[in-house]
C-alpha atoms as a PDB file:
ATOM      1  CA  THR A   1      81.691 100.456  65.464  1.00  0.00           C
ATOM      2  CA  GLN A   2      79.225 102.782  67.153  1.00  0.00           C
ATOM      3  CA  ALA A   3      81.175 105.363  69.110  1.00  0.00           C
ATOM      4  CA  LEU A   4      81.433 105.692  72.987  1.00  0.00           C
ATOM      5  CA  HIS A   5      79.677 107.461  75.219  1.00  0.00           C
ATOM      6  CA  PRO A   6      82.389 110.382  75.922  1.00  0.00           C
ATOM      7  CA  ARG A   7      81.657 109.482  79.683  1.00  0.00           C
ATOM      8  CA  VAL A   8      82.703 105.890  78.659  1.00  0.00           C
ATOM      9  CA  ALA A   9      85.605 107.031  76.784  1.00  0.00           C
ATOM     10  CA  GLN A  10      86.923 109.069  79.731  1.00  0.00           C
ATOM     11  CA  ALA A  11      86.799 105.715  81.840  1.00  0.00           C
ATOM     12  CA  VAL A  12      87.891 103.296  79.385  1.00  0.00           C
ATOM     13  CA  ALA A  13      90.975 106.254  78.124  1.00  0.00           C
ATOM     14  CA  TYR A  14      91.680 106.459  82.395  1.00  0.00           C
ATOM     15  CA  LEU A  15      91.562 102.712  82.749  1.00  0.00           C
ATOM     16  CA  GLU A  16      93.287 102.195  80.014  1.00  0.00           C
ATOM     17  CA  SER A  17      96.286 104.600  81.964  1.00  0.00           C
ATOM     18  CA  ARG A  18      96.685 102.311  84.574  1.00  0.00           C
ATOM     19  CA  THR A  19      96.614  98.599  83.576  1.00  0.00           C
ATOM     20  CA  ASP A  20      99.321  98.471  86.478  1.00  0.00           C
ATOM     21  CA  ARG A  21      97.609  98.953  89.283  1.00  0.00           C
ATOM     22  CA  GLU A  22      93.686  98.582  90.496  1.00  0.00           C
ATOM     23  CA  VAL A  23      91.425 101.391  90.086  1.00  0.00           C
ATOM     24  CA  GLY A  24      88.301 101.910  92.932  1.00  0.00           C
ATOM     25  CA  ALA A  25      85.122 102.962  91.651  1.00  0.00           C
ATOM     26  CA  GLY A  26      85.395 106.170  93.311  1.00  0.00           C
ATOM     27  CA  GLU A  27      88.228 107.357  91.612  1.00  0.00           C
ATOM     28  CA  LEU A  28      86.806 106.341  87.678  1.00  0.00           C
ATOM     29  CA  ALA A  29      83.854 107.729  88.637  1.00  0.00           C
ATOM     30  CA  LYS A  30      85.549 111.397  89.891  1.00  0.00           C
ATOM     31  CA  ALA A  31      87.811 111.039  86.474  1.00  0.00           C
ATOM     32  CA  ALA A  32      85.170 110.209  84.285  1.00  0.00           C
ATOM     33  CA  PHE A  33      82.962 113.238  86.402  1.00  0.00           C
ATOM     34  CA  ALA A  34      80.201 110.661  86.167  1.00  0.00           C
ATOM     35  CA  SER A  35      78.392 109.048  89.175  1.00  0.00           C
ATOM     36  CA  TYR A  36      79.591 105.177  88.669  1.00  0.00           C
ATOM     37  CA  SER A  37      75.845 104.157  88.920  1.00  0.00           C
ATOM     38  CA  HIS A  38      75.486 105.517  85.381  1.00  0.00           C
ATOM     39  CA  LEU A  39      78.875 105.081  83.967  1.00  0.00           C
ATOM     40  CA  SER A  40      78.547 101.646  85.149  1.00  0.00           C
ATOM     41  CA  ALA A  41      75.087 101.154  82.867  1.00  0.00           C
ATOM     42  CA  LEU A  42      77.166 102.597  80.042  1.00  0.00           C
ATOM     43  CA  PHE A  43      79.391 100.130  80.107  1.00  0.00           C
ATOM     44  CA  ARG A  44      76.921  97.282  80.545  1.00  0.00           C
ATOM     45  CA  GLU A  45      75.216  98.589  77.935  1.00  0.00           C
ATOM     46  CA  ARG A  46      77.459  99.302  75.777  1.00  0.00           C
ATOM     47  CA  PHE A  47      80.612  96.202  76.812  1.00  0.00           C
ATOM     48  CA  GLY A  48      78.123  93.674  78.371  1.00  0.00           C
ATOM     49  CA  CYS A  49      80.116  94.376  81.951  1.00  0.00           C
ATOM     50  CA  GLY A  50      80.980  96.805  84.621  1.00  0.00           C
ATOM     51  CA  PRO A  51      83.685  99.164  83.870  1.00  0.00           C
ATOM     52  CA  LEU A  52      85.393  97.638  87.128  1.00  0.00           C
ATOM     53  CA  ARG A  53      85.111  94.356  85.572  1.00  0.00           C
ATOM     54  CA  TYR A  54      86.318  95.674  82.240  1.00  0.00           C
ATOM     55  CA  HIS A  55      89.589  96.829  84.298  1.00  0.00           C
ATOM     56  CA  GLN A  56      90.305  93.137  85.115  1.00  0.00           C
ATOM     57  CA  LEU A  57      89.855  91.857  82.025  1.00  0.00           C
ATOM     58  CA  MET A  58      92.617  94.870  80.527  1.00  0.00           C
ATOM     59  CA  ARG A  59      94.757  94.339  82.653  1.00  0.00           C
ATOM     60  CA  MET A  60      94.791  90.020  82.191  1.00  0.00           C
ATOM     61  CA  GLU A  61      95.527  91.287  78.911  1.00  0.00           C
ATOM     62  CA  ARG A  62      97.898  93.575  79.716  1.00  0.00           C
ATOM     63  CA  ALA A  63      99.064  90.660  81.848  1.00  0.00           C
ATOM     64  CA  LYS A  64      99.050  87.815  78.916  1.00  0.00           C
ATOM     65  CA  LYS A  65     101.842  90.092  77.054  1.00  0.00           C
ATOM     66  CA  LEU A  66     103.730  90.317  79.841  1.00  0.00           C
ATOM     67  CA  LEU A  67     104.007  86.801  80.019  1.00  0.00           C
ATOM     68  CA  LEU A  68     105.628  86.445  76.417  1.00  0.00           C
ATOM     69  CA  ASN A  69     108.585  87.576  78.263  1.00  0.00           C
ATOM     70  CA  PRO A  70     110.287  84.345  79.610  1.00  0.00           C
ATOM     71  CA  TYR A  71     112.356  86.107  82.231  1.00  0.00           C
ATOM     72  CA  LEU A  72     109.404  87.816  84.097  1.00  0.00           C
ATOM     73  CA  SER A  73     108.543  85.446  87.209  1.00  0.00           C
ATOM     74  CA  ILE A  74     104.660  84.608  87.385  1.00  0.00           C
ATOM     75  CA  ALA A  75     105.607  86.873  91.056  1.00  0.00           C
ATOM     76  CA  GLU A  76     106.875  89.641  88.879  1.00  0.00           C
ATOM     77  CA  VAL A  77     104.198  89.918  86.251  1.00  0.00           C
ATOM     78  CA  ALA A  78     101.623  89.881  89.094  1.00  0.00           C
ATOM     79  CA  SER A  79     102.880  93.378  90.924  1.00  0.00           C
ATOM     80  CA  GLN A  80     103.534  94.632  87.422  1.00  0.00           C
ATOM     81  CA  THR A  81      99.771  94.264  86.425  1.00  0.00           C
ATOM     82  CA  GLY A  82      98.807  95.949  90.496  1.00  0.00           C
ATOM     83  CA  PHE A  83      98.280  92.357  92.261  1.00  0.00           C
ATOM     84  CA  GLU A  84      99.744  92.092  95.206  1.00  0.00           C
ATOM     85  CA  ASP A  85      98.366  88.442  95.297  1.00  0.00           C
ATOM     86  CA  ALA A  86     100.206  85.875  93.187  1.00  0.00           C
ATOM     87  CA  ASN A  87      98.178  83.557  94.196  1.00  0.00           C
ATOM     88  CA  TYR A  88      95.252  85.165  93.679  1.00  0.00           C
ATOM     89  CA  PHE A  89      96.339  86.871  90.824  1.00  0.00           C
ATOM     90  CA  THR A  90      96.940  82.992  89.575  1.00  0.00           C
ATOM     91  CA  ARG A  91      93.241  82.169  91.181  1.00  0.00           C
ATOM     92  CA  LEU A  92      92.344  84.990  88.471  1.00  0.00           C
ATOM     93  CA  PHE A  93      94.007  84.485  85.781  1.00  0.00           C
ATOM     94  CA  ARG A  94      93.066  81.134  85.910  1.00  0.00           C
ATOM     95  CA  GLN A  95      89.057  81.825  85.940  1.00  0.00           C
ATOM     96  CA  LEU A  96      89.111  84.239  83.218  1.00  0.00           C
ATOM     97  CA  CYS A  97      91.796  83.505  80.974  1.00  0.00           C
ATOM     98  CA  GLY A  98      90.990  79.523  80.857  1.00  0.00           C
ATOM     99  CA  LEU A  99      94.680  78.509  81.982  1.00  0.00           C
ATOM    100  CA  PRO A 100      97.021  79.259  84.740  1.00  0.00           C
ATOM    101  CA  PRO A 101      99.571  81.586  83.707  1.00  0.00           C
ATOM    102  CA  GLY A 102     102.615  79.082  83.748  1.00  0.00           C
ATOM    103  CA  ARG A 103     100.248  77.070  81.249  1.00  0.00           C
ATOM    104  CA  TRP A 104      98.852  79.723  79.147  1.00  0.00           C
ATOM    105  CA  ARG A 105     102.961  80.833  78.828  1.00  0.00           C
ATOM    106  CA  LYS A 106     104.141  77.434  77.743  1.00  0.00           C
ATOM    107  CA  SER A 107     100.801  76.508  75.499  1.00  0.00           C
ATOM    108  CA  SER A 108     101.590  80.363  73.805  1.00  0.00           C
ATOM    109  CA  LYS A 109     104.858  79.892  72.826  1.00  0.00           C
ATOM    110  CA  ARG A 110     104.315  76.086  70.789  1.00  0.00           C
ATOM    111  CA  ALA A 111     100.971  78.740  68.781  1.00  0.00           C
ATOM    112  CA  PRO A 112     101.329  82.528  69.369  1.00  0.00           C
ATOM    113  CA  ARG A 113      98.493  83.846  69.877  1.00  0.00           C
ATOM    114  CA  VAL A 114      96.954  87.821  68.912  1.00  0.00           C
ATOM    115  CA  VAL A 115      96.172  89.325  71.965  1.00  0.00           C
ATOM    116  CA  GLN A 116      93.478  91.631  71.198  1.00  0.00           C
ATOM    117  CA  ALA A 117      91.608  94.237  74.059  1.00  0.00           C
ATOM    118  CA  PRO A 118      88.456  93.164  75.453  1.00  0.00           C
ATOM    119  CA  LEU A 119      86.173  95.575  73.125  1.00  0.00           C
END
């Protein structure tokens, strides 16, 4: 695999440490010591999406791990991944993962899946 640009590596590390909440474009640019437009171009070149979409995908991967715990409600999983509105979380999860969180949870019990980072 090719090495990450230093600003992208810094941004990715920042995003990985914040999968429990939303991150704004300005906040990320400041943390990575780069303009958001420059970061966005670097992310699109490396990952095929912008930094905020990349972070959203990271949060959904974390949500999948949390959904494997049957004692957490969908609302708790949404909250622990930084979504205040469980309905929005459910819609976004379905859009990005193909199934609503409840159905994904049930299907993952029958056929355990390897959860991978969106790299």
